């Protein structure tokens, strides 16, 4: 199974993108300060992805923003009997 999410925003340097799964790490300052986050979202996504033997890929968009891809292995078929 493959899930990909993209957003728009500031251009992110590749070296910054590689740190975004660290807890409390954020890529850029938020424009709206009333909705500040603490930088745990991608750390949680990485933990869940690894727990299910998946792969998490982060890539900066060419015009800005970020593309996050989660790939999970197919579930094994269950047989009763």
N, C-alpha and C. Protein backbone atom coordinates (compact mmCIF):
# COMPACT_ATOMS: atom_id res chain seq x y z
N UNK A 1 0.84 -1.16 0.00
CA UNK A 1 0.00 0.00 0.00
C UNK A 1 0.89 1.23 0.00
N UNK A 2 0.50 2.22 -0.77
CA UNK A 2 1.27 3.45 -0.88
C UNK A 2 0.36 4.63 -0.58
N UNK A 3 0.83 5.53 0.27
CA UNK A 3 0.11 6.75 0.60
C UNK A 3 1.08 7.91 0.41
N UNK A 4 0.66 8.91 -0.37
CA UNK A 4 1.50 10.08 -0.59
C UNK A 4 0.70 11.34 -0.27
N UNK A 5 1.33 12.27 0.43
CA UNK A 5 0.72 13.54 0.79
C UNK A 5 1.70 14.64 0.43
N UNK A 6 1.19 15.68 -0.22
CA UNK A 6 2.03 16.82 -0.58
C UNK A 6 1.41 18.09 -0.02
N UNK A 7 2.26 19.04 0.32
CA UNK A 7 1.76 20.35 0.71
C UNK A 7 2.56 21.42 -0.02
N UNK A 8 2.12 22.64 0.12
CA UNK A 8 2.85 23.77 -0.44
C UNK A 8 3.48 24.52 0.72
N UNK A 9 4.38 25.37 0.41
CA UNK A 9 5.00 26.15 1.47
C UNK A 9 6.38 26.61 1.04
N UNK A 10 7.14 26.99 2.02
CA UNK A 10 8.49 27.47 1.77
C UNK A 10 9.36 26.36 1.17
N UNK A 11 10.35 26.77 0.42
CA UNK A 11 11.30 25.80 -0.12
C UNK A 11 12.16 25.29 1.03
N UNK A 12 12.34 23.97 1.08
CA UNK A 12 13.09 23.35 2.16
C UNK A 12 14.38 22.74 1.62
N UNK A 13 15.47 22.99 2.30
CA UNK A 13 16.75 22.42 1.91
C UNK A 13 16.75 20.92 2.19
N UNK A 14 17.34 20.10 1.31
CA UNK A 14 17.38 18.65 1.53
C UNK A 14 17.95 18.26 2.89
N UNK A 15 18.94 18.97 3.38
CA UNK A 15 19.53 18.64 4.68
C UNK A 15 18.55 18.91 5.83
N UNK A 16 17.64 19.87 5.66
CA UNK A 16 16.61 20.12 6.66
C UNK A 16 15.54 19.02 6.60
N UNK A 17 15.16 18.62 5.40
CA UNK A 17 14.13 17.60 5.22
C UNK A 17 14.53 16.31 5.93
N UNK A 18 15.80 15.97 5.87
CA UNK A 18 16.26 14.71 6.49
C UNK A 18 16.15 14.74 8.02
N UNK A 19 15.90 15.89 8.62
CA UNK A 19 15.78 15.98 10.08
C UNK A 19 14.33 16.08 10.56
N UNK A 20 13.38 16.15 9.65
CA UNK A 20 12.00 16.44 10.03
C UNK A 20 11.30 15.31 10.78
N UNK A 21 11.86 14.12 10.83
CA UNK A 21 11.26 13.04 11.61
C UNK A 21 11.78 13.01 13.04
N UNK A 22 12.69 13.91 13.36
CA UNK A 22 13.16 14.03 14.74
C UNK A 22 12.08 14.74 15.56
N UNK A 23 11.80 14.25 16.77
CA UNK A 23 10.78 14.91 17.59
C UNK A 23 11.08 16.39 17.81
N UNK A 24 10.04 17.19 17.77
CA UNK A 24 10.08 18.63 18.03
C UNK A 24 10.80 19.42 16.95
N UNK A 25 10.96 18.84 15.79
CA UNK A 25 11.62 19.52 14.67
C UNK A 25 10.56 20.01 13.69
N UNK A 26 10.67 21.25 13.27
CA UNK A 26 9.73 21.82 12.30
C UNK A 26 10.53 22.40 11.15
N UNK A 27 9.91 22.38 9.96
CA UNK A 27 10.62 22.81 8.76
C UNK A 27 10.72 24.31 8.59
N UNK A 28 9.67 25.03 8.89
CA UNK A 28 9.66 26.47 8.69
C UNK A 28 8.73 27.09 9.73
N UNK A 29 8.90 28.35 9.93
CA UNK A 29 8.01 29.03 10.88
C UNK A 29 6.60 29.07 10.32
N UNK A 30 5.63 28.93 11.18
CA UNK A 30 4.23 28.95 10.76
C UNK A 30 3.79 30.38 10.49
N UNK A 31 2.91 30.52 9.50
CA UNK A 31 2.37 31.84 9.19
C UNK A 31 1.32 32.27 10.20
N UNK A 32 0.53 31.31 10.69
CA UNK A 32 -0.52 31.59 11.66
C UNK A 32 -0.06 31.12 13.03
N UNK A 33 0.21 32.02 13.90
CA UNK A 33 0.75 31.64 15.20
C UNK A 33 -0.31 31.04 16.13
N UNK A 34 -1.59 31.22 15.85
CA UNK A 34 -2.62 30.65 16.72
C UNK A 34 -2.76 29.14 16.52
N UNK A 35 -2.09 28.58 15.54
CA UNK A 35 -2.16 27.13 15.29
C UNK A 35 -0.75 26.53 15.30
N UNK A 36 0.02 26.88 16.26
CA UNK A 36 1.38 26.36 16.30
C UNK A 36 1.39 24.90 16.70
N UNK A 37 2.27 24.15 16.09
CA UNK A 37 2.46 22.75 16.45
C UNK A 37 3.79 22.60 17.16
N UNK A 38 4.03 21.41 17.64
CA UNK A 38 5.27 21.20 18.37
C UNK A 38 6.26 20.33 17.60
N UNK A 39 5.89 19.87 16.42
CA UNK A 39 6.83 19.10 15.62
C UNK A 39 6.88 17.62 15.94
N UNK A 40 5.74 17.03 16.28
CA UNK A 40 5.72 15.60 16.58
C UNK A 40 5.08 14.76 15.48
N UNK A 41 4.37 15.37 14.57
CA UNK A 41 3.61 14.64 13.56
C UNK A 41 4.42 13.65 12.75
N UNK A 42 5.50 14.10 12.13
CA UNK A 42 6.30 13.21 11.29
C UNK A 42 7.08 12.19 12.13
N UNK A 43 7.43 12.53 13.35
CA UNK A 43 8.08 11.55 14.23
C UNK A 43 7.12 10.41 14.54
N UNK A 44 5.85 10.74 14.76
CA UNK A 44 4.84 9.71 15.02
C UNK A 44 4.61 8.87 13.77
N UNK A 45 4.50 9.53 12.61
CA UNK A 45 4.32 8.80 11.35
C UNK A 45 5.47 7.82 11.12
N UNK A 46 6.69 8.25 11.38
CA UNK A 46 7.84 7.36 11.20
C UNK A 46 7.77 6.16 12.14
N UNK A 47 7.41 6.38 13.39
CA UNK A 47 7.32 5.29 14.36
C UNK A 47 6.27 4.27 13.94
N UNK A 48 5.11 4.74 13.53
CA UNK A 48 4.05 3.83 13.10
C UNK A 48 4.46 3.09 11.83
N UNK A 49 5.07 3.78 10.90
CA UNK A 49 5.50 3.16 9.64
C UNK A 49 6.52 2.05 9.91
N UNK A 50 7.49 2.32 10.76
CA UNK A 50 8.50 1.29 11.09
C UNK A 50 7.88 0.11 11.82
N UNK A 51 6.91 0.38 12.69
CA UNK A 51 6.26 -0.69 13.45
C UNK A 51 5.54 -1.67 12.52
N UNK A 52 5.19 -1.19 11.34
CA UNK A 52 4.48 -2.04 10.37
C UNK A 52 5.40 -2.43 9.21
N UNK A 53 6.72 -2.39 9.44
CA UNK A 53 7.72 -2.77 8.44
C UNK A 53 7.59 -1.98 7.15
N UNK A 54 7.24 -0.71 7.27
CA UNK A 54 7.08 0.14 6.10
C UNK A 54 8.25 1.07 5.89
N UNK A 55 8.10 1.90 4.88
CA UNK A 55 9.13 2.87 4.51
C UNK A 55 8.51 4.26 4.45
N UNK A 56 9.18 5.22 5.06
CA UNK A 56 8.76 6.62 5.02
C UNK A 56 9.79 7.39 4.20
N UNK A 57 9.30 8.16 3.23
CA UNK A 57 10.18 8.97 2.39
C UNK A 57 9.71 10.41 2.43
N UNK A 58 10.63 11.32 2.67
CA UNK A 58 10.34 12.75 2.65
C UNK A 58 11.16 13.38 1.53
N UNK A 59 10.52 14.22 0.72
CA UNK A 59 11.23 14.88 -0.37
C UNK A 59 10.73 16.32 -0.50
N UNK A 60 11.66 17.26 -0.63
CA UNK A 60 11.23 18.65 -0.83
C UNK A 60 10.63 18.80 -2.22
N UNK A 61 9.58 19.61 -2.32
CA UNK A 61 8.99 19.90 -3.63
C UNK A 61 9.89 20.86 -4.39
N UNK A 62 9.93 20.75 -5.71
CA UNK A 62 10.81 21.62 -6.50
C UNK A 62 10.47 23.11 -6.36
N UNK A 63 9.18 23.42 -6.12
CA UNK A 63 8.77 24.82 -5.97
C UNK A 63 8.46 25.15 -4.51
N UNK A 64 8.77 24.24 -3.60
CA UNK A 64 8.48 24.45 -2.19
C UNK A 64 7.57 23.36 -1.66
N UNK A 65 7.39 23.34 -0.37
CA UNK A 65 6.55 22.33 0.24
C UNK A 65 7.27 21.01 0.43
N UNK A 66 6.51 19.99 0.75
CA UNK A 66 7.07 18.70 1.10
C UNK A 66 6.18 17.59 0.57
N UNK A 67 6.78 16.51 0.11
CA UNK A 67 6.05 15.30 -0.30
C UNK A 67 6.44 14.21 0.68
N UNK A 68 5.44 13.63 1.34
CA UNK A 68 5.63 12.55 2.31
C UNK A 68 5.00 11.29 1.73
N UNK A 69 5.78 10.22 1.64
CA UNK A 69 5.29 8.96 1.10
C UNK A 69 5.48 7.87 2.14
N UNK A 70 4.41 7.13 2.41
CA UNK A 70 4.44 5.98 3.30
C UNK A 70 4.14 4.76 2.46
N UNK A 71 5.02 3.77 2.51
CA UNK A 71 4.80 2.52 1.81
C UNK A 71 4.78 1.40 2.83
N UNK A 72 3.67 0.66 2.85
CA UNK A 72 3.51 -0.45 3.78
C UNK A 72 3.42 -1.76 2.99
N UNK A 73 4.00 -2.82 3.52
CA UNK A 73 3.92 -4.11 2.81
C UNK A 73 2.48 -4.61 2.81
N UNK A 74 2.17 -5.41 1.83
CA UNK A 74 0.83 -6.02 1.75
C UNK A 74 0.64 -6.97 2.93
N UNK A 75 -0.56 -7.02 3.43
CA UNK A 75 -0.87 -7.92 4.56
C UNK A 75 -0.89 -9.35 4.06
N UNK A 76 -0.41 -10.25 4.89
CA UNK A 76 -0.43 -11.67 4.56
C UNK A 76 -1.87 -12.17 4.58
N UNK A 77 -2.19 -13.04 3.66
CA UNK A 77 -3.54 -13.61 3.61
C UNK A 77 -3.76 -14.54 4.80
N UNK A 78 -4.92 -14.46 5.39
CA UNK A 78 -5.27 -15.31 6.53
C UNK A 78 -6.11 -16.48 6.03
N UNK A 79 -5.79 -17.66 6.49
CA UNK A 79 -6.58 -18.82 6.13
C UNK A 79 -7.10 -19.47 7.41
N UNK A 80 -8.35 -19.80 7.41
CA UNK A 80 -8.95 -20.49 8.55
C UNK A 80 -8.95 -21.97 8.27
N UNK A 81 -8.58 -22.72 9.25
CA UNK A 81 -8.76 -24.09 8.99
C UNK A 81 -7.87 -25.07 9.47
